[in-house]
PDB file of N, CA and C in Angstrom:
ATOM      1  N   MET A   1      40.961  -7.313  -7.399  1.00  0.00           N
ATOM      2  CA  MET A   1      40.629  -5.465  -7.586  1.00  0.00           C
ATOM      3  C   MET A   1      41.550  -4.930  -6.586  1.00  0.00           C
ATOM      4  N   SER A   2      42.761  -3.825  -7.621  1.00  0.00           N
ATOM      5  CA  SER A   2      44.333  -3.779  -7.027  1.00  0.00           C
ATOM      6  C   SER A   2      44.421  -3.338  -5.491  1.00  0.00           C
ATOM      7  N   ASP A   3      43.343  -1.312  -5.549  1.00  0.00           N
ATOM      8  CA  ASP A   3      43.253  -0.982  -4.114  1.00  0.00           C
ATOM      9  C   ASP A   3      42.454  -0.269  -4.029  1.00  0.00           C
ATOM     10  N   ASN A   4      42.113  -0.113  -2.888  1.00  0.00           N
ATOM     11  CA  ASN A   4      41.170   0.415  -2.571  1.00  0.00           C
ATOM     12  C   ASN A   4      40.688   2.091  -3.391  1.00  0.00           C
ATOM     13  N   ARG A   5      41.849   2.399  -3.984  1.00  0.00           N
ATOM     14  CA  ARG A   5      41.349   4.208  -4.547  1.00  0.00           C
ATOM     15  C   ARG A   5      41.296   3.943  -6.277  1.00  0.00           C
ATOM     16  N   HIS A   6      41.310   2.854  -6.531  1.00  0.00           N
ATOM     17  CA  HIS A   6      41.036   2.536  -8.010  1.00  0.00           C
ATOM     18  C   HIS A   6      39.735   1.148  -8.148  1.00  0.00           C
ATOM     19  N   MET A   7      38.983   1.430  -6.234  1.00  0.00           N
ATOM     20  CA  MET A   7      38.327  -0.321  -6.575  1.00  0.00           C
ATOM     21  C   MET A   7      36.804   0.768  -7.863  1.00  0.00           C
ATOM     22  N   LEU A   8      36.091   1.710  -7.455  1.00  0.00           N
ATOM     23  CA  LEU A   8      35.558   2.213  -7.760  1.00  0.00           C
ATOM     24  C   LEU A   8      35.684   2.444  -9.193  1.00  0.00           C
ATOM     25  N   ASP A   9      36.860   3.098  -9.509  1.00  0.00           N
ATOM     26  CA  ASP A   9      37.667   2.977 -11.063  1.00  0.00           C
ATOM     27  C   ASP A   9      37.202   1.522 -12.053  1.00  0.00           C
ATOM     28  N   GLU A  10      37.314   0.750 -11.203  1.00  0.00           N
ATOM     29  CA  GLU A  10      37.661  -0.901 -11.925  1.00  0.00           C
ATOM     30  C   GLU A  10      35.944  -1.332 -11.817  1.00  0.00           C
ATOM     31  N   LEU A  11      35.233  -1.169 -11.018  1.00  0.00           N
ATOM     32  CA  LEU A  11      33.939  -1.565 -10.628  1.00  0.00           C
ATOM     33  C   LEU A  11      33.034  -1.073 -12.100  1.00  0.00           C
ATOM     34  N   TYR A  12      33.143   0.351 -12.406  1.00  0.00           N
ATOM     35  CA  TYR A  12      32.392   1.172 -13.285  1.00  0.00           C
ATOM     36  C   TYR A  12      32.939   0.463 -14.462  1.00  0.00           C
ATOM     37  N   GLN A  13      34.775   0.011 -14.879  1.00  0.00           N
ATOM     38  CA  GLN A  13      35.030  -0.963 -15.945  1.00  0.00           C
ATOM     39  C   GLN A  13      34.155  -1.962 -15.880  1.00  0.00           C
ATOM     40  N   VAL A  14      33.902  -2.638 -14.996  1.00  0.00           N
ATOM     41  CA  VAL A  14      32.523  -4.010 -14.854  1.00  0.00           C
ATOM     42  C   VAL A  14      31.614  -3.770 -15.522  1.00  0.00           C
ATOM     43  N   ILE A  15      30.810  -2.537 -14.956  1.00  0.00           N
ATOM     44  CA  ILE A  15      29.844  -2.230 -15.199  1.00  0.00           C
ATOM     45  C   ILE A  15      29.538  -1.741 -17.046  1.00  0.00           C
ATOM     46  N   LEU A  16      30.619  -1.645 -17.208  1.00  0.00           N
ATOM     47  CA  LEU A  16      30.550  -0.801 -18.684  1.00  0.00           C
ATOM     48  C   LEU A  16      30.348  -1.541 -19.647  1.00  0.00           C
ATOM     49  N   SER A  17      31.867  -3.050 -19.244  1.00  0.00           N
ATOM     50  CA  SER A  17      32.002  -4.858 -20.048  1.00  0.00           C
ATOM     51  C   SER A  17      30.250  -5.416 -20.064  1.00  0.00           C
ATOM     52  N   ARG A  18      29.623  -5.060 -19.040  1.00  0.00           N
ATOM     53  CA  ARG A  18      28.041  -6.049 -19.409  1.00  0.00           C
ATOM     54  C   ARG A  18      27.043  -5.012 -20.313  1.00  0.00           C
ATOM     55  N   LYS A  19      27.165  -3.458 -20.351  1.00  0.00           N
ATOM     56  CA  LYS A  19      25.975  -3.316 -21.575  1.00  0.00           C
ATOM     57  C   LYS A  19      25.909  -4.291 -22.932  1.00  0.00           C
ATOM     58  N   ASN A  20      26.816  -4.809 -23.197  1.00  0.00           N
ATOM     59  CA  ASN A  20      26.122  -5.966 -23.891  1.00  0.00           C
ATOM     60  C   ASN A  20      26.100  -6.992 -23.554  1.00  0.00           C
ATOM     61  N   ALA A  21      25.987  -7.680 -22.453  1.00  0.00           N
ATOM     62  CA  ALA A  21      26.031  -8.703 -21.727  1.00  0.00           C
ATOM     63  C   ALA A  21      24.698  -9.351 -21.701  1.00  0.00           C
ATOM     64  N   SER A  22      24.411 -10.786 -21.465  1.00  0.00           N
ATOM     65  CA  SER A  22      22.978 -10.968 -21.801  1.00  0.00           C
ATOM     66  C   SER A  22      22.468 -11.008 -20.077  1.00  0.00           C
ATOM     67  N   PRO A  23      21.308 -10.001 -20.306  1.00  0.00           N
ATOM     68  CA  PRO A  23      20.209 -10.088 -18.793  1.00  0.00           C
ATOM     69  C   PRO A  23      19.984 -11.111 -18.207  1.00  0.00           C
ATOM     70  N   ASP A  24      20.022 -12.358 -18.379  1.00  0.00           N
ATOM     71  CA  ASP A  24      20.306 -14.503 -18.117  1.00  0.00           C
ATOM     72  C   ASP A  24      21.558 -13.990 -16.920  1.00  0.00           C
ATOM     73  N   SER A  25      22.426 -13.529 -17.641  1.00  0.00           N
ATOM     74  CA  SER A  25      23.765 -13.797 -16.661  1.00  0.00           C
ATOM     75  C   SER A  25      23.808 -12.788 -16.294  1.00  0.00           C
ATOM     76  N   SER A  26      23.571 -11.653 -15.803  1.00  0.00           N
ATOM     77  CA  SER A  26      23.988 -10.278 -15.233  1.00  0.00           C
ATOM     78  C   SER A  26      23.071  -9.184 -14.873  1.00  0.00           C
ATOM     79  N   TYR A  27      22.887  -8.897 -12.568  1.00  0.00           N
ATOM     80  CA  TYR A  27      22.209  -8.646 -12.457  1.00  0.00           C
ATOM     81  C   TYR A  27      22.782  -7.099 -13.756  1.00  0.00           C
ATOM     82  N   THR A  28      23.990  -6.481 -13.548  1.00  0.00           N
ATOM     83  CA  THR A  28      24.107  -5.445 -14.126  1.00  0.00           C
ATOM     84  C   THR A  28      23.338  -5.060 -15.435  1.00  0.00           C
ATOM     85  N   ALA A  29      23.501  -5.866 -16.960  1.00  0.00           N
ATOM     86  CA  ALA A  29      23.290  -6.372 -17.653  1.00  0.00           C
ATOM     87  C   ALA A  29      21.235  -5.497 -17.170  1.00  0.00           C
ATOM     88  N   SER A  30      21.330  -6.882 -16.598  1.00  0.00           N
ATOM     89  CA  SER A  30      19.673  -6.624 -16.939  1.00  0.00           C
ATOM     90  C   SER A  30      19.382  -4.853 -16.431  1.00  0.00           C
ATOM     91  N   LEU A  31      19.989  -4.217 -15.745  1.00  0.00           N
ATOM     92  CA  LEU A  31      19.431  -3.548 -14.626  1.00  0.00           C
ATOM     93  C   LEU A  31      19.475  -2.189 -15.833  1.00  0.00           C
ATOM     94  N   LEU A  32      20.653  -2.591 -17.134  1.00  0.00           N
ATOM     95  CA  LEU A  32      21.069  -1.131 -17.701  1.00  0.00           C
ATOM     96  C   LEU A  32      19.575  -1.850 -19.091  1.00  0.00           C
ATOM     97  N   GLN A  33      19.469  -3.028 -19.178  1.00  0.00           N
ATOM     98  CA  GLN A  33      18.963  -3.267 -20.044  1.00  0.00           C
ATOM     99  C   GLN A  33      17.421  -2.821 -19.877  1.00  0.00           C
ATOM    100  N   GLY A  34      17.281  -2.859 -18.507  1.00  0.00           N
ATOM    101  CA  GLY A  34      15.895  -2.428 -17.778  1.00  0.00           C
ATOM    102  C   GLY A  34      15.604  -1.245 -18.053  1.00  0.00           C
ATOM    103  N   GLY A  35      16.192  -0.182 -18.629  1.00  0.00           N
ATOM    104  CA  GLY A  35      16.616   1.346 -18.878  1.00  0.00           C
ATOM    105  C   GLY A  35      16.763   1.705 -17.359  1.00  0.00           C
ATOM    106  N   LEU A  36      16.227   3.578 -18.306  1.00  0.00           N
ATOM    107  CA  LEU A  36      16.631   4.194 -17.136  1.00  0.00           C
ATOM    108  C   LEU A  36      15.178   4.485 -15.633  1.00  0.00           C
ATOM    109  N   ASP A  37      14.550   4.629 -15.673  1.00  0.00           N
ATOM    110  CA  ASP A  37      13.551   4.331 -14.425  1.00  0.00           C
ATOM    111  C   ASP A  37      13.782   3.378 -13.941  1.00  0.00           C
ATOM    112  N   ARG A  38      14.104   1.985 -14.693  1.00  0.00           N
ATOM    113  CA  ARG A  38      14.213   1.655 -13.450  1.00  0.00           C
ATOM    114  C   ARG A  38      16.184   1.224 -12.791  1.00  0.00           C
ATOM    115  N   ILE A  39      16.820   2.036 -13.336  1.00  0.00           N
ATOM    116  CA  ILE A  39      17.782   2.332 -12.481  1.00  0.00           C
ATOM    117  C   ILE A  39      17.658   2.825 -11.859  1.00  0.00           C
ATOM    118  N   LEU A  40      16.535   4.149 -11.662  1.00  0.00           N
ATOM    119  CA  LEU A  40      16.804   5.691 -10.982  1.00  0.00           C
ATOM    120  C   LEU A  40      15.638   5.106  -9.702  1.00  0.00           C
ATOM    121  N   LYS A  41      15.148   3.762  -9.893  1.00  0.00           N
ATOM    122  CA  LYS A  41      13.931   3.859  -8.599  1.00  0.00           C
ATOM    123  C   LYS A  41      15.413   2.398  -7.853  1.00  0.00           C
ATOM    124  N   LYS A  42      15.831   2.047  -8.124  1.00  0.00           N
ATOM    125  CA  LYS A  42      17.198   1.457  -7.411  1.00  0.00           C
ATOM    126  C   LYS A  42      18.245   2.574  -6.860  1.00  0.00           C
ATOM    127  N   VAL A  43      18.642   3.601  -7.367  1.00  0.00           N
ATOM    128  CA  VAL A  43      18.946   4.521  -7.363  1.00  0.00           C
ATOM    129  C   VAL A  43      18.072   5.225  -5.412  1.00  0.00           C
ATOM    130  N   GLY A  44      17.220   5.442  -5.968  1.00  0.00           N
ATOM    131  CA  GLY A  44      16.563   5.902  -4.827  1.00  0.00           C
ATOM    132  C   GLY A  44      16.016   4.761  -4.123  1.00  0.00           C
ATOM    133  N   GLU A  45      15.930   3.392  -4.247  1.00  0.00           N
ATOM    134  CA  GLU A  45      15.780   2.820  -3.379  1.00  0.00           C
ATOM    135  C   GLU A  45      17.099   3.184  -2.439  1.00  0.00           C
ATOM    136  N   GLU A  46      17.803   2.287  -2.733  1.00  0.00           N
ATOM    137  CA  GLU A  46      19.299   1.954  -1.713  1.00  0.00           C
ATOM    138  C   GLU A  46      19.912   3.489  -1.144  1.00  0.00           C
ATOM    139  N   ALA A  47      19.366   5.152  -1.587  1.00  0.00           N
ATOM    140  CA  ALA A  47      19.716   5.991  -1.602  1.00  0.00           C
ATOM    141  C   ALA A  47      18.531   5.851   0.173  1.00  0.00           C
ATOM    142  N   THR A  48      17.576   5.166  -0.429  1.00  0.00           N
ATOM    143  CA  THR A  48      16.818   5.413   0.948  1.00  0.00           C
ATOM    144  C   THR A  48      17.417   4.463   2.149  1.00  0.00           C
ATOM    145  N   GLU A  49      18.067   3.471   1.575  1.00  0.00           N
ATOM    146  CA  GLU A  49      18.386   2.013   2.622  1.00  0.00           C
ATOM    147  C   GLU A  49      19.418   3.103   3.179  1.00  0.00           C
ATOM    148  N   VAL A  50      20.080   3.856   2.724  1.00  0.00           N
ATOM    149  CA  VAL A  50      21.456   4.887   3.419  1.00  0.00           C
ATOM    150  C   VAL A  50      21.400   4.993   4.680  1.00  0.00           C
ATOM    151  N   VAL A  51      19.847   5.749   4.417  1.00  0.00           N
ATOM    152  CA  VAL A  51      19.866   7.044   5.459  1.00  0.00           C
ATOM    153  C   VAL A  51      18.729   5.979   6.770  1.00  0.00           C
ATOM    154  N   ILE A  52      17.896   4.785   6.402  1.00  0.00           N
ATOM    155  CA  ILE A  52      17.893   4.341   7.481  1.00  0.00           C
ATOM    156  C   ILE A  52      18.663   3.745   8.314  1.00  0.00           C
ATOM    157  N   ALA A  53      20.100   2.824   7.541  1.00  0.00           N
ATOM    158  CA  ALA A  53      21.179   2.557   7.825  1.00  0.00           C
ATOM    159  C   ALA A  53      21.302   3.544   9.465  1.00  0.00           C
ATOM    160  N   GLY A  54      21.614   4.916   8.334  1.00  0.00           N
ATOM    161  CA  GLY A  54      22.259   5.677   8.799  1.00  0.00           C
ATOM    162  C   GLY A  54      21.872   6.435   9.869  1.00  0.00           C
ATOM    163  N   LYS A  55      21.020   5.890  10.211  1.00  0.00           N
ATOM    164  CA  LYS A  55      20.121   6.797  11.178  1.00  0.00           C
ATOM    165  C   LYS A  55      20.119   5.805  12.525  1.00  0.00           C
ATOM    166  N   GLY A  56      20.065   4.454  12.437  1.00  0.00           N
ATOM    167  CA  GLY A  56      19.888   3.607  13.353  1.00  0.00           C
ATOM    168  C   GLY A  56      20.582   2.313  13.117  1.00  0.00           C
ATOM    169  N   GLY A  57      21.002   2.012  11.761  1.00  0.00           N
ATOM    170  CA  GLY A  57      21.638   0.146  11.256  1.00  0.00           C
ATOM    171  C   GLY A  57      23.192   0.308  12.319  1.00  0.00           C
ATOM    172  N   GLU A  58      23.261  -0.896  12.512  1.00  0.00           N
ATOM    173  CA  GLU A  58      24.793  -1.399  12.585  1.00  0.00           C
ATOM    174  C   GLU A  58      25.142  -0.394  12.163  1.00  0.00           C
ATOM    175  N   GLN A  59      27.180  -0.350  12.378  1.00  0.00           N
ATOM    176  CA  GLN A  59      28.235  -0.203  11.123  1.00  0.00           C
ATOM    177  C   GLN A  59      27.863  -0.948   9.675  1.00  0.00           C
ATOM    178  N   ALA A  60      27.389  -2.253  10.189  1.00  0.00           N
ATOM    179  CA  ALA A  60      28.247  -3.506   9.170  1.00  0.00           C
ATOM    180  C   ALA A  60      26.780  -2.525   7.785  1.00  0.00           C
ATOM    181  N   GLN A  61      25.679  -2.988   8.631  1.00  0.00           N
ATOM    182  CA  GLN A  61      23.925  -2.718   7.672  1.00  0.00           C
ATOM    183  C   GLN A  61      25.131  -1.401   6.736  1.00  0.00           C
ATOM    184  N   LEU A  62      25.429  -0.288   7.280  1.00  0.00           N
ATOM    185  CA  LEU A  62      25.576   0.747   6.859  1.00  0.00           C
ATOM    186  C   LEU A  62      26.142   1.145   5.967  1.00  0.00           C
ATOM    187  N   THR A  63      27.471   0.125   5.973  1.00  0.00           N
ATOM    188  CA  THR A  63      28.666  -0.208   5.281  1.00  0.00           C
ATOM    189  C   THR A  63      27.838  -1.401   3.849  1.00  0.00           C
ATOM    190  N   CYS A  64      27.481  -1.847   4.398  1.00  0.00           N
ATOM    191  CA  CYS A  64      26.465  -2.406   3.221  1.00  0.00           C
ATOM    192  C   CYS A  64      25.407  -2.467   2.200  1.00  0.00           C
ATOM    193  N   GLU A  65      24.917  -1.116   2.999  1.00  0.00           N
ATOM    194  CA  GLU A  65      23.768  -0.197   1.778  1.00  0.00           C
ATOM    195  C   GLU A  65      25.445   0.574   1.120  1.00  0.00           C
ATOM    196  N   ALA A  66      25.878   1.361   1.829  1.00  0.00           N
ATOM    197  CA  ALA A  66      26.919   2.758   1.263  1.00  0.00           C
ATOM    198  C   ALA A  66      27.254   1.990   0.060  1.00  0.00           C
ATOM    199  N   ALA A  67      27.823   0.618  -0.307  1.00  0.00           N
ATOM    200  CA  ALA A  67      27.875  -0.132  -1.094  1.00  0.00           C
ATOM    201  C   ALA A  67      27.160  -0.244  -2.254  1.00  0.00           C
ATOM    202  N   ASP A  68      26.080  -0.642  -1.742  1.00  0.00           N
ATOM    203  CA  ASP A  68      25.099  -0.957  -2.922  1.00  0.00           C
ATOM    204  C   ASP A  68      24.788   0.497  -3.762  1.00  0.00           C
ATOM    205  N   LEU A  69      24.518   0.905  -3.067  1.00  0.00           N
ATOM    206  CA  LEU A  69      24.553   2.655  -3.459  1.00  0.00           C
ATOM    207  C   LEU A  69      25.291   3.192  -4.528  1.00  0.00           C
ATOM    208  N   CYS A  70      26.586   2.614  -3.947  1.00  0.00           N
ATOM    209  CA  CYS A  70      27.902   3.926  -4.891  1.00  0.00           C
ATOM    210  C   CYS A  70      27.396   2.717  -6.479  1.00  0.00           C
ATOM    211  N   TYR A  71      27.338   1.314  -6.171  1.00  0.00           N
ATOM    212  CA  TYR A  71      27.112   0.401  -7.176  1.00  0.00           C
ATOM    213  C   TYR A  71      26.307   1.002  -8.357  1.00  0.00           C
ATOM    214  N   HIS A  72      25.267   1.032  -7.879  1.00  0.00           N
ATOM    215  CA  HIS A  72      23.983   1.307  -8.568  1.00  0.00           C
ATOM    216  C   HIS A  72      23.747   2.608  -9.326  1.00  0.00           C
ATOM    217  N   LEU A  73      25.082   3.699  -8.314  1.00  0.00           N
ATOM    218  CA  LEU A  73      25.245   5.103  -9.070  1.00  0.00           C
ATOM    219  C   LEU A  73      25.789   4.876 -10.174  1.00  0.00           C
ATOM    220  N   LEU A  74      26.503   3.782  -9.797  1.00  0.00           N
ATOM    221  CA  LEU A  74      27.619   3.751 -11.180  1.00  0.00           C
ATOM    222  C   LEU A  74      26.966   3.034 -11.864  1.00  0.00           C
ATOM    223  N   VAL A  75      26.543   2.264 -11.636  1.00  0.00           N
ATOM    224  CA  VAL A  75      25.699   1.964 -13.054  1.00  0.00           C
ATOM    225  C   VAL A  75      24.494   3.265 -13.815  1.00  0.00           C
ATOM    226  N   LEU A  76      24.030   4.061 -13.121  1.00  0.00           N
ATOM    227  CA  LEU A  76      23.525   5.410 -13.698  1.00  0.00           C
ATOM    228  C   LEU A  76      24.374   5.988 -14.353  1.00  0.00           C
ATOM    229  N   LEU A  77      25.468   6.671 -13.705  1.00  0.00           N
ATOM    230  CA  LEU A  77      26.492   7.173 -14.516  1.00  0.00           C
ATOM    231  C   LEU A  77      26.693   5.986 -16.410  1.00  0.00           C
ATOM    232  N   ALA A  78      27.234   5.006 -16.145  1.00  0.00           N
ATOM    233  CA  ALA A  78      27.315   4.377 -17.339  1.00  0.00           C
ATOM    234  C   ALA A  78      26.293   4.110 -17.660  1.00  0.00           C
ATOM    235  N   ALA A  79      24.879   4.313 -17.555  1.00  0.00           N
ATOM    236  CA  ALA A  79      23.484   4.205 -18.267  1.00  0.00           C
ATOM    237  C   ALA A  79      23.712   5.418 -19.058  1.00  0.00           C
ATOM    238  N   ARG A  80      24.371   6.387 -18.916  1.00  0.00           N
ATOM    239  CA  ARG A  80      23.807   8.022 -19.014  1.00  0.00           C
ATOM    240  C   ARG A  80      25.509   8.569 -20.164  1.00  0.00           C
ATOM    241  N   ASP A  81      26.231   7.509 -20.095  1.00  0.00           N
ATOM    242  CA  ASP A  81      27.239   7.903 -20.601  1.00  0.00           C
ATOM    243  C   ASP A  81      28.532   9.194 -20.158  1.00  0.00           C
ATOM    244  N   VAL A  82      27.934   9.258 -18.645  1.00  0.00           N
ATOM    245  CA  VAL A  82      29.016   9.716 -18.626  1.00  0.00           C
ATOM    246  C   VAL A  82      30.278   8.721 -17.580  1.00  0.00           C
ATOM    247  N   PRO A  83      31.035   9.534 -17.913  1.00  0.00           N
ATOM    248  CA  PRO A  83      33.033   8.717 -17.103  1.00  0.00           C
ATOM    249  C   PRO A  83      32.885   8.968 -16.003  1.00  0.00           C
ATOM    250  N   VAL A  84      33.355   7.959 -15.328  1.00  0.00           N
ATOM    251  CA  VAL A  84      33.322   8.210 -14.283  1.00  0.00           C
ATOM    252  C   VAL A  84      34.023   9.302 -13.461  1.00  0.00           C
ATOM    253  N   GLU A  85      35.130   9.484 -14.338  1.00  0.00           N
ATOM    254  CA  GLU A  85      36.533  10.186 -14.392  1.00  0.00           C
ATOM    255  C   GLU A  85      35.867  11.246 -14.529  1.00  0.00           C
ATOM    256  N   ALA A  86      34.897  11.695 -14.765  1.00  0.00           N
ATOM    257  CA  ALA A  86      33.882  12.974 -14.642  1.00  0.00           C
ATOM    258  C   ALA A  86      33.652  13.841 -13.375  1.00  0.00           C
ATOM    259  N   VAL A  87      32.787  12.173 -12.392  1.00  0.00           N
ATOM    260  CA  VAL A  87      32.966  12.818 -11.612  1.00  0.00           C
ATOM    261  C   VAL A  87      33.912  12.876  -9.934  1.00  0.00           C
ATOM    262  N   TRP A  88      35.144  12.541 -10.722  1.00  0.00           N
ATOM    263  CA  TRP A  88      36.021  12.200  -9.453  1.00  0.00           C
ATOM    264  C   TRP A  88      37.157  14.283 -10.229  1.00  0.00           C
ATOM    265  N   ASP A  89      36.711  14.627 -11.589  1.00  0.00           N
ATOM    266  CA  ASP A  89      37.403  15.612 -11.547  1.00  0.00           C
ATOM    267  C   ASP A  89      36.454  16.782 -11.072  1.00  0.00           C
ATOM    268  N   GLU A  90      34.963  16.344 -11.214  1.00  0.00           N
ATOM    269  CA  GLU A  90      34.019  17.440 -10.328  1.00  0.00           C
ATOM    270  C   GLU A  90      34.783  17.408  -8.769  1.00  0.00           C
ATOM    271  N   LEU A  91      34.636  16.334  -8.133  1.00  0.00           N
ATOM    272  CA  LEU A  91      35.395  16.274  -7.028  1.00  0.00           C
ATOM    273  C   LEU A  91      36.300  16.911  -5.927  1.00  0.00           C
ATOM    274  N   ARG A  92      37.620  16.768  -7.073  1.00  0.00           N
ATOM    275  CA  ARG A  92      39.147  17.452  -7.237  1.00  0.00           C
ATOM    276  C   ARG A  92      38.942  18.991  -7.305  1.00  0.00           C
ATOM    277  N   ARG A  93      38.173  19.831  -8.171  1.00  0.00           N
ATOM    278  CA  ARG A  93      37.978  21.035  -8.506  1.00  0.00           C
ATOM    279  C   ARG A  93      37.325  21.586  -7.069  1.00  0.00           C
ATOM    280  N   ARG A  94      36.638  20.746  -6.458  1.00  0.00           N
ATOM    281  CA  ARG A  94      35.607  21.251  -5.523  1.00  0.00           C
ATOM    282  C   ARG A  94      36.308  21.212  -3.778  1.00  0.00           C
ATOM    283  N   PHE A  95      37.796  20.507  -4.295  1.00  0.00           N
ATOM    284  CA  PHE A  95      38.002  19.996  -2.890  1.00  0.00           C
ATOM    285  C   PHE A  95      39.311  21.279  -2.269  1.00  0.00           C
ATOM    286  N   GLY A  96      39.262  22.211  -1.629  1.00  0.00           N
ATOM    287  CA  GLY A  96      39.412  23.012  -0.735  1.00  0.00           C
ATOM    288  C   GLY A  96      39.180  24.469  -0.784  1.00  0.00           C
ATOM    289  N   THR A  97      37.664  24.187  -1.285  1.00  0.00           N
ATOM    290  CA  THR A  97      36.800  24.811  -1.198  1.00  0.00           C
ATOM    291  C   THR A  97      35.815  25.259  -0.071  1.00  0.00           C
ATOM    292  N   SER A  98      35.414  26.322   0.445  1.00  0.00           N
ATOM    293  CA  SER A  98      34.103  25.704   1.634  1.00  0.00           C
ATOM    294  C   SER A  98      32.955  25.724   0.276  1.00  0.00           C
ATOM    295  N   GLY A  99      32.476  23.931   1.204  1.00  0.00           N
ATOM    296  CA  GLY A  99      30.858  23.954   1.046  1.00  0.00           C
ATOM    297  C   GLY A  99      30.069  24.890   0.564  1.00  0.00           C
ATOM    298  N   ILE A 100      29.756  25.984   1.207  1.00  0.00           N
ATOM    299  CA  ILE A 100      28.705  26.748   1.613  1.00  0.00           C
ATOM    300  C   ILE A 100      30.038  27.939   0.493  1.00  0.00           C
ATOM    301  N   ALA A 101      30.301  28.240  -0.285  1.00  0.00           N
ATOM    302  CA  ALA A 101      31.524  29.597  -0.874  1.00  0.00           C
ATOM    303  C   ALA A 101      31.249  28.801  -2.271  1.00  0.00           C
ATOM    304  N   GLU A 102      31.056  27.027  -2.058  1.00  0.00           N
ATOM    305  CA  GLU A 102      31.243  26.280  -3.456  1.00  0.00           C
ATOM    306  C   GLU A 102      30.305  26.836  -4.401  1.00  0.00           C
ATOM    307  N   LYS A 103      28.401  26.280  -3.256  1.00  0.00           N
ATOM    308  CA  LYS A 103      27.142  26.074  -4.033  1.00  0.00           C
ATOM    309  C   LYS A 103      26.686  27.316  -4.380  1.00  0.00           C
ATOM    310  N   ALA A 104      27.612  28.471  -3.620  1.00  0.00           N
ATOM    311  CA  ALA A 104      26.949  29.853  -3.966  1.00  0.00           C
ATOM    312  C   ALA A 104      27.759  29.915  -5.184  1.00  0.00           C
ATOM    313  N   SER A 105      28.491  29.770  -5.473  1.00  0.00           N
ATOM    314  CA  SER A 105      29.642  30.123  -6.464  1.00  0.00           C
ATOM    315  C   SER A 105      28.339  29.520  -8.617  1.00  0.00           C
ATOM    316  N   ARG A 106      27.776  27.927  -7.470  1.00  0.00           N
ATOM    317  CA  ARG A 106      26.973  27.543  -8.758  1.00  0.00           C
ATOM    318  C   ARG A 106      26.145  28.400  -9.491  1.00  0.00           C
ATOM    319  N   LYS A 107      25.505  28.808 -11.037  1.00  0.00           N
ATOM    320  CA  LYS A 107      24.095  29.424 -11.302  1.00  0.00           C
ATOM    321  C   LYS A 107      23.145  28.394 -11.339  1.00  0.00           C
ATOM    322  N   LEU A 108      22.055  29.529 -10.841  1.00  0.00           N
ATOM    323  CA  LEU A 108      21.017  28.447 -10.768  1.00  0.00           C
ATOM    324  C   LEU A 108      20.434  28.668 -11.929  1.00  0.00           C
ATOM    325  N   PRO A 109      19.364  28.883 -12.122  1.00  0.00           N
ATOM    326  CA  PRO A 109      18.488  28.451 -13.808  1.00  0.00           C
ATOM    327  C   PRO A 109      17.679  29.161 -13.347  1.00  0.00           C
ATOM    328  N   PRO A 110      17.590  30.582 -14.271  1.00  0.00           N
ATOM    329  CA  PRO A 110      16.563  31.134 -14.103  1.00  0.00           C
ATOM    330  C   PRO A 110      14.678  30.601 -13.706  1.00  0.00           C
ATOM    331  N   ALA A 111      14.022  31.303 -13.153  1.00  0.00           N
ATOM    332  CA  ALA A 111      12.941  31.046 -12.118  1.00  0.00           C
ATOM    333  C   ALA A 111      11.258  30.880 -13.195  1.00  0.00           C
TER     334      ALA A 111
END
């Protein structure tokens, strides 16, 4: 991978390339072919592990769990055909805006 700025983009492209790979030879392919519920379960598990590591784990443990969460989140995006660039665009849109103001600007669904 060329540098950290593009590493997530490169990882996302690898994940996309695994969509048609054999699940016997690729963990990513097995996740994608396992369906959305399996992927969502892994995202939830990894998010929980990040919370636990963030609360009391060592820095190295938090780093590993954060990497796992990023990977599984990218798998979810790929499974749902959401381009990773859409996430970067949304982050750029929010950049420089108060989190409180940005959240208040979102339209809430009718109750």
